[in-house]
N, C-alpha and C. Protein backbone atom coordinates (compact mmCIF):
# COMPACT_ATOMS: atom_id res chain seq x y z
N MET A 1 44.76 110.46 -32.27
CA MET A 1 44.79 109.80 -33.55
C MET A 1 43.73 110.44 -34.46
N PRO A 2 44.18 111.04 -35.56
CA PRO A 2 43.22 111.71 -36.45
C PRO A 2 42.31 110.70 -37.17
N LEU A 3 41.11 111.18 -37.46
CA LEU A 3 40.16 110.35 -38.21
C LEU A 3 40.64 110.14 -39.64
N SER A 4 40.40 108.97 -40.16
CA SER A 4 40.70 108.74 -41.57
C SER A 4 39.63 109.45 -42.41
N ARG A 5 39.91 109.64 -43.67
CA ARG A 5 38.97 110.30 -44.57
C ARG A 5 37.64 109.56 -44.60
N SER A 6 37.68 108.25 -44.73
CA SER A 6 36.43 107.48 -44.83
C SER A 6 35.64 107.54 -43.53
N LYS A 7 36.31 107.51 -42.39
CA LYS A 7 35.61 107.58 -41.11
C LYS A 7 34.98 108.97 -40.93
N LEU A 8 35.72 110.02 -41.29
CA LEU A 8 35.19 111.38 -41.17
C LEU A 8 33.97 111.55 -42.05
N TYR A 9 34.06 111.14 -43.30
CA TYR A 9 32.94 111.29 -44.23
C TYR A 9 31.74 110.47 -43.78
N THR A 10 31.98 109.28 -43.28
CA THR A 10 30.89 108.44 -42.78
C THR A 10 30.23 109.10 -41.57
N LEU A 11 31.03 109.58 -40.65
CA LEU A 11 30.50 110.24 -39.46
C LEU A 11 29.69 111.48 -39.82
N LEU A 12 30.22 112.30 -40.71
CA LEU A 12 29.50 113.51 -41.13
C LEU A 12 28.21 113.18 -41.86
N PHE A 13 28.25 112.17 -42.70
CA PHE A 13 27.06 111.78 -43.45
C PHE A 13 25.98 111.24 -42.51
N ILE A 14 26.37 110.42 -41.56
CA ILE A 14 25.42 109.89 -40.58
C ILE A 14 24.84 111.02 -39.73
N ALA A 15 25.69 111.96 -39.34
CA ALA A 15 25.22 113.10 -38.54
C ALA A 15 24.21 113.93 -39.32
N CYS A 16 24.48 114.16 -40.60
CA CYS A 16 23.53 114.92 -41.44
C CYS A 16 22.22 114.15 -41.60
N CYS A 17 22.30 112.86 -41.84
CA CYS A 17 21.07 112.04 -41.97
C CYS A 17 20.27 112.07 -40.68
N ALA A 18 20.95 111.95 -39.54
CA ALA A 18 20.27 112.02 -38.25
C ALA A 18 19.62 113.39 -38.07
N GLY A 19 20.30 114.43 -38.51
CA GLY A 19 19.74 115.78 -38.44
C GLY A 19 18.49 115.93 -39.29
N TYR A 20 18.52 115.37 -40.49
CA TYR A 20 17.34 115.44 -41.37
C TYR A 20 16.17 114.66 -40.76
N ILE A 21 16.46 113.51 -40.19
CA ILE A 21 15.41 112.72 -39.54
C ILE A 21 14.85 113.50 -38.35
N TRP A 22 15.73 114.12 -37.57
CA TRP A 22 15.29 114.90 -36.42
C TRP A 22 14.42 116.08 -36.86
N LEU A 23 14.78 116.73 -37.96
CA LEU A 23 13.96 117.84 -38.47
C LEU A 23 12.60 117.33 -38.93
N TYR A 24 12.58 116.17 -39.57
CA TYR A 24 11.31 115.59 -40.00
C TYR A 24 10.42 115.31 -38.78
N ILE A 25 11.00 114.76 -37.73
CA ILE A 25 10.25 114.51 -36.50
C ILE A 25 9.76 115.83 -35.91
N GLY A 26 10.62 116.85 -35.94
CA GLY A 26 10.24 118.17 -35.44
C GLY A 26 9.07 118.76 -36.21
N ILE A 27 9.07 118.58 -37.53
CA ILE A 27 7.96 119.07 -38.35
C ILE A 27 6.69 118.30 -38.01
N ALA A 28 6.81 116.98 -37.88
CA ALA A 28 5.64 116.15 -37.56
C ALA A 28 5.07 116.51 -36.20
N ILE A 29 5.91 116.75 -35.22
CA ILE A 29 5.44 117.10 -33.88
C ILE A 29 4.77 118.47 -33.90
N ASN A 30 5.38 119.44 -34.61
CA ASN A 30 4.79 120.78 -34.69
C ASN A 30 3.41 120.75 -35.31
N LYS A 31 3.17 119.86 -36.26
CA LYS A 31 1.87 119.77 -36.91
C LYS A 31 0.84 119.10 -36.02
N SER A 32 1.28 118.19 -35.16
CA SER A 32 0.32 117.41 -34.38
C SER A 32 0.13 117.91 -32.95
N GLU A 33 1.05 118.70 -32.43
CA GLU A 33 0.95 119.15 -31.04
C GLU A 33 1.19 120.65 -30.96
N SER A 34 0.60 121.24 -29.94
CA SER A 34 0.84 122.67 -29.71
C SER A 34 2.06 122.88 -28.82
N ASN A 35 2.44 121.88 -28.04
CA ASN A 35 3.60 121.98 -27.16
C ASN A 35 4.78 121.22 -27.76
N PRO A 36 5.92 121.92 -27.97
CA PRO A 36 7.08 121.21 -28.50
C PRO A 36 7.66 120.24 -27.47
N VAL A 37 8.24 119.17 -27.94
CA VAL A 37 8.86 118.18 -27.07
C VAL A 37 10.23 118.69 -26.64
N GLU A 38 10.49 118.64 -25.35
CA GLU A 38 11.79 119.05 -24.81
C GLU A 38 12.73 117.85 -24.83
N VAL A 39 13.84 117.95 -25.51
CA VAL A 39 14.76 116.82 -25.60
C VAL A 39 16.13 117.10 -25.01
N CYS A 40 16.37 118.33 -24.63
CA CYS A 40 17.68 118.68 -24.10
C CYS A 40 17.85 118.09 -22.70
N LEU A 41 18.80 117.20 -22.58
CA LEU A 41 19.06 116.54 -21.30
C LEU A 41 19.48 117.54 -20.24
N ILE A 42 20.30 118.51 -20.61
CA ILE A 42 20.76 119.52 -19.66
C ILE A 42 19.57 120.31 -19.12
N LYS A 43 18.67 120.71 -20.03
CA LYS A 43 17.50 121.49 -19.59
C LYS A 43 16.56 120.64 -18.74
N GLN A 44 16.41 119.38 -19.09
CA GLN A 44 15.54 118.50 -18.30
C GLN A 44 16.09 118.28 -16.89
N LEU A 45 17.41 118.16 -16.77
CA LEU A 45 18.01 117.89 -15.47
C LEU A 45 18.17 119.14 -14.61
N THR A 46 18.48 120.29 -15.23
CA THR A 46 18.79 121.50 -14.47
C THR A 46 17.76 122.61 -14.62
N ASN A 47 16.86 122.46 -15.60
CA ASN A 47 15.90 123.50 -15.94
C ASN A 47 16.59 124.76 -16.48
N ILE A 48 17.82 124.60 -16.93
CA ILE A 48 18.59 125.69 -17.55
C ILE A 48 18.90 125.26 -18.97
N PRO A 49 18.60 126.12 -19.96
CA PRO A 49 18.87 125.74 -21.34
C PRO A 49 20.37 125.69 -21.63
N CYS A 50 20.77 124.77 -22.50
CA CYS A 50 22.17 124.69 -22.91
C CYS A 50 22.41 125.70 -24.04
N PRO A 51 23.66 125.92 -24.45
CA PRO A 51 23.93 126.88 -25.51
C PRO A 51 23.25 126.54 -26.84
N SER A 52 22.98 125.26 -27.08
CA SER A 52 22.37 124.90 -28.36
C SER A 52 20.86 124.70 -28.27
N CYS A 53 20.27 124.94 -27.08
CA CYS A 53 18.81 124.83 -26.97
C CYS A 53 18.14 125.76 -27.97
N GLY A 54 17.15 125.23 -28.64
CA GLY A 54 16.42 126.01 -29.63
C GLY A 54 16.96 125.87 -31.04
N SER A 55 18.05 125.12 -31.21
CA SER A 55 18.63 124.97 -32.54
C SER A 55 17.67 124.31 -33.52
N THR A 56 16.94 123.30 -33.07
CA THR A 56 15.98 122.64 -33.96
C THR A 56 14.89 123.60 -34.37
N ARG A 57 14.34 124.33 -33.40
CA ARG A 57 13.30 125.32 -33.72
C ARG A 57 13.85 126.40 -34.63
N SER A 58 15.11 126.76 -34.45
CA SER A 58 15.74 127.77 -35.29
C SER A 58 15.83 127.30 -36.74
N VAL A 59 16.26 126.06 -36.94
CA VAL A 59 16.36 125.50 -38.30
C VAL A 59 14.96 125.37 -38.91
N LEU A 60 13.98 124.94 -38.12
CA LEU A 60 12.61 124.82 -38.63
C LEU A 60 12.07 126.19 -39.05
N SER A 61 12.35 127.22 -38.27
CA SER A 61 11.93 128.58 -38.64
C SER A 61 12.61 129.01 -39.94
N LEU A 62 13.87 128.68 -40.07
CA LEU A 62 14.60 129.00 -41.29
C LEU A 62 13.99 128.29 -42.49
N MET A 63 13.56 127.05 -42.30
CA MET A 63 12.93 126.29 -43.38
C MET A 63 11.61 126.93 -43.81
N HIS A 64 10.96 127.65 -42.91
CA HIS A 64 9.72 128.33 -43.23
C HIS A 64 9.96 129.76 -43.72
N GLY A 65 11.23 130.11 -43.93
CA GLY A 65 11.57 131.43 -44.45
C GLY A 65 11.58 132.53 -43.41
N GLU A 66 11.55 132.17 -42.16
CA GLU A 66 11.53 133.14 -41.06
C GLU A 66 12.95 133.36 -40.55
N PHE A 67 13.74 134.10 -41.32
CA PHE A 67 15.16 134.27 -41.03
C PHE A 67 15.39 134.98 -39.70
N VAL A 68 14.68 136.09 -39.47
CA VAL A 68 14.87 136.85 -38.23
C VAL A 68 14.44 136.02 -37.02
N GLN A 69 13.30 135.36 -37.14
CA GLN A 69 12.82 134.50 -36.05
C GLN A 69 13.84 133.40 -35.75
N SER A 70 14.41 132.82 -36.80
CA SER A 70 15.42 131.78 -36.64
C SER A 70 16.62 132.32 -35.88
N LEU A 71 17.05 133.49 -36.24
CA LEU A 71 18.20 134.12 -35.59
C LEU A 71 17.91 134.42 -34.12
N LEU A 72 16.69 134.86 -33.84
CA LEU A 72 16.31 135.20 -32.47
C LEU A 72 16.18 133.95 -31.59
N ILE A 73 15.72 132.85 -32.16
CA ILE A 73 15.59 131.63 -31.37
C ILE A 73 16.98 131.13 -30.96
N ASN A 74 17.85 130.93 -31.93
CA ASN A 74 19.23 130.53 -31.65
C ASN A 74 20.07 130.70 -32.91
N PRO A 75 21.06 131.60 -32.89
CA PRO A 75 21.90 131.81 -34.06
C PRO A 75 22.65 130.55 -34.51
N PHE A 76 22.86 129.60 -33.60
CA PHE A 76 23.53 128.36 -33.99
C PHE A 76 22.74 127.59 -35.04
N GLY A 77 21.43 127.82 -35.09
CA GLY A 77 20.58 127.16 -36.07
C GLY A 77 21.01 127.48 -37.50
N LEU A 78 21.44 128.71 -37.73
CA LEU A 78 21.91 129.10 -39.07
C LEU A 78 23.16 128.33 -39.46
N ILE A 79 24.06 128.19 -38.52
CA ILE A 79 25.29 127.45 -38.77
C ILE A 79 24.98 125.98 -39.02
N ILE A 80 24.10 125.42 -38.19
CA ILE A 80 23.73 124.01 -38.34
C ILE A 80 23.06 123.77 -39.69
N ALA A 81 22.15 124.67 -40.08
CA ALA A 81 21.46 124.52 -41.37
C ALA A 81 22.46 124.58 -42.52
N PHE A 82 23.41 125.50 -42.45
CA PHE A 82 24.43 125.62 -43.50
C PHE A 82 25.24 124.33 -43.60
N ILE A 83 25.66 123.82 -42.46
CA ILE A 83 26.47 122.58 -42.45
C ILE A 83 25.66 121.41 -43.00
N MET A 84 24.39 121.33 -42.60
CA MET A 84 23.54 120.21 -43.05
C MET A 84 23.26 120.27 -44.55
N ILE A 85 23.27 121.45 -45.13
CA ILE A 85 23.04 121.59 -46.57
C ILE A 85 24.33 121.33 -47.35
N VAL A 86 25.42 121.91 -46.91
CA VAL A 86 26.67 121.86 -47.68
C VAL A 86 27.39 120.51 -47.56
N THR A 87 27.43 119.94 -46.37
CA THR A 87 28.25 118.75 -46.12
C THR A 87 27.93 117.55 -47.02
N PRO A 88 26.67 117.14 -47.17
CA PRO A 88 26.42 115.97 -48.04
C PRO A 88 26.87 116.20 -49.49
N PHE A 89 26.66 117.42 -50.00
CA PHE A 89 27.10 117.72 -51.37
C PHE A 89 28.61 117.72 -51.48
N TRP A 90 29.28 118.26 -50.45
CA TRP A 90 30.74 118.30 -50.45
C TRP A 90 31.31 116.89 -50.41
N ILE A 91 30.72 116.03 -49.58
CA ILE A 91 31.16 114.63 -49.51
C ILE A 91 30.97 113.96 -50.87
N LEU A 92 29.80 114.13 -51.45
CA LEU A 92 29.50 113.54 -52.76
C LEU A 92 30.47 114.03 -53.83
N LEU A 93 30.72 115.32 -53.84
CA LEU A 93 31.65 115.90 -54.81
C LEU A 93 33.05 115.30 -54.65
N ASP A 94 33.50 115.18 -53.40
CA ASP A 94 34.82 114.59 -53.15
C ASP A 94 34.88 113.13 -53.59
N LEU A 95 33.82 112.37 -53.32
CA LEU A 95 33.80 110.96 -53.70
C LEU A 95 33.79 110.79 -55.22
N VAL A 96 32.98 111.60 -55.91
CA VAL A 96 32.89 111.50 -57.37
C VAL A 96 34.20 111.94 -58.02
N ALA A 97 34.77 113.04 -57.52
CA ALA A 97 36.00 113.59 -58.11
C ALA A 97 37.26 112.92 -57.55
N LYS A 98 37.08 111.99 -56.62
CA LYS A 98 38.20 111.30 -55.97
C LYS A 98 39.19 112.29 -55.37
N ARG A 99 38.61 113.26 -54.64
CA ARG A 99 39.41 114.27 -53.94
C ARG A 99 39.20 114.11 -52.44
N GLN A 100 39.85 114.95 -51.68
CA GLN A 100 39.64 114.96 -50.24
C GLN A 100 39.65 116.39 -49.71
N SER A 101 38.97 117.29 -50.44
CA SER A 101 38.96 118.70 -50.05
C SER A 101 38.27 118.93 -48.71
N LEU A 102 37.18 118.23 -48.45
CA LEU A 102 36.50 118.37 -47.16
C LEU A 102 37.41 117.85 -46.04
N TYR A 103 38.06 116.75 -46.28
CA TYR A 103 38.98 116.18 -45.29
C TYR A 103 40.11 117.16 -44.99
N ASN A 104 40.68 117.77 -46.02
CA ASN A 104 41.75 118.76 -45.84
C ASN A 104 41.23 120.00 -45.10
N PHE A 105 40.02 120.45 -45.48
CA PHE A 105 39.41 121.61 -44.82
C PHE A 105 39.19 121.33 -43.34
N TYR A 106 38.70 120.14 -43.04
CA TYR A 106 38.46 119.75 -41.65
C TYR A 106 39.75 119.85 -40.83
N HIS A 107 40.84 119.33 -41.37
CA HIS A 107 42.11 119.37 -40.63
C HIS A 107 42.66 120.78 -40.51
N LYS A 108 42.49 121.60 -41.54
CA LYS A 108 42.94 122.99 -41.44
C LYS A 108 42.14 123.74 -40.38
N MET A 109 40.81 123.52 -40.37
CA MET A 109 39.97 124.19 -39.37
C MET A 109 40.30 123.70 -37.96
N GLU A 110 40.60 122.43 -37.84
CA GLU A 110 40.99 121.87 -36.54
C GLU A 110 42.26 122.56 -36.04
N ASP A 111 43.22 122.74 -36.92
CA ASP A 111 44.47 123.41 -36.54
C ASP A 111 44.22 124.87 -36.17
N VAL A 112 43.37 125.55 -36.94
CA VAL A 112 43.06 126.96 -36.66
C VAL A 112 42.35 127.11 -35.32
N LEU A 113 41.38 126.24 -35.06
CA LEU A 113 40.58 126.36 -33.85
C LEU A 113 41.35 125.98 -32.58
N LYS A 114 42.49 125.36 -32.73
CA LYS A 114 43.32 125.05 -31.57
C LYS A 114 44.10 126.27 -31.09
N LYS A 115 44.19 127.29 -31.93
CA LYS A 115 44.94 128.49 -31.57
C LYS A 115 44.09 129.37 -30.66
N PRO A 116 44.67 129.81 -29.54
CA PRO A 116 43.90 130.61 -28.57
C PRO A 116 43.26 131.87 -29.17
N LYS A 117 43.91 132.51 -30.14
CA LYS A 117 43.33 133.74 -30.69
C LYS A 117 42.02 133.48 -31.43
N PHE A 118 41.75 132.25 -31.81
CA PHE A 118 40.47 131.89 -32.43
C PHE A 118 39.58 131.14 -31.44
N ALA A 119 40.17 130.27 -30.64
CA ALA A 119 39.39 129.43 -29.72
C ALA A 119 38.72 130.27 -28.64
N ILE A 120 39.44 131.21 -28.06
CA ILE A 120 38.89 132.00 -26.95
C ILE A 120 37.68 132.83 -27.39
N PRO A 121 37.76 133.58 -28.51
CA PRO A 121 36.56 134.32 -28.94
C PRO A 121 35.38 133.41 -29.26
N LEU A 122 35.64 132.25 -29.84
CA LEU A 122 34.54 131.32 -30.14
C LEU A 122 33.92 130.77 -28.86
N ILE A 123 34.74 130.46 -27.89
CA ILE A 123 34.22 129.99 -26.60
C ILE A 123 33.39 131.10 -25.94
N LEU A 124 33.87 132.33 -26.03
CA LEU A 124 33.11 133.46 -25.47
C LEU A 124 31.77 133.64 -26.18
N LEU A 125 31.73 133.45 -27.49
CA LEU A 125 30.47 133.53 -28.22
C LEU A 125 29.49 132.45 -27.77
N VAL A 126 29.99 131.26 -27.54
CA VAL A 126 29.13 130.17 -27.05
C VAL A 126 28.59 130.52 -25.67
N ILE A 127 29.44 131.05 -24.81
CA ILE A 127 29.00 131.44 -23.46
C ILE A 127 27.97 132.57 -23.54
N LEU A 128 28.20 133.57 -24.41
CA LEU A 128 27.23 134.65 -24.58
C LEU A 128 25.90 134.12 -25.10
N ASN A 129 25.95 133.19 -26.03
CA ASN A 129 24.72 132.59 -26.54
C ASN A 129 24.00 131.82 -25.43
N TRP A 130 24.76 131.15 -24.59
CA TRP A 130 24.18 130.42 -23.47
C TRP A 130 23.48 131.38 -22.50
N ILE A 131 24.16 132.49 -22.17
CA ILE A 131 23.57 133.50 -21.29
C ILE A 131 22.30 134.06 -21.92
N TRP A 132 22.35 134.31 -23.22
CA TRP A 132 21.18 134.84 -23.93
C TRP A 132 20.03 133.84 -23.89
N ASN A 133 20.32 132.56 -24.06
CA ASN A 133 19.28 131.52 -23.97
C ASN A 133 18.64 131.51 -22.58
N ILE A 134 19.46 131.69 -21.55
CA ILE A 134 18.95 131.70 -20.17
C ILE A 134 18.07 132.93 -19.94
N ILE A 135 18.57 134.09 -20.38
CA ILE A 135 17.84 135.35 -20.16
C ILE A 135 16.49 135.34 -20.87
N LYS A 136 16.45 134.86 -22.10
CA LYS A 136 15.19 134.88 -22.84
C LYS A 136 14.26 133.74 -22.45
N GLY A 137 14.70 132.89 -21.52
CA GLY A 137 13.85 131.83 -20.99
C GLY A 137 13.57 130.72 -21.97
N LEU A 138 14.55 130.41 -22.79
CA LEU A 138 14.38 129.34 -23.79
C LEU A 138 14.29 128.04 -23.09
């Protein structure tokens, strides 16, 4: 059952707000402690980083203008930062203009990503990023 427009926009908005709060906490922790807090459940249980480990540090580096450092920590951070910046404005624009362009885009991307010719390379990229996280000892 597909998400309704209002449920999708609410979910995305809450996710972005949670991300901003998490970044604020990350900034506060970085200022007060020399050791970052480990929050990845997978890493805590297995001592192996997940594919998204380091994403918060990557976004924080990007916020400090350290683009290369951000990319080296975890390239997913760039994607997350882009989504966190664009999504709230896109939602607001759709609500003000009484459109549903983000909702339509979401469904088009969902259809595209279900196709093996797109899904398989993306899954391989996630696996490669995971291997890279393990190798660099993140």
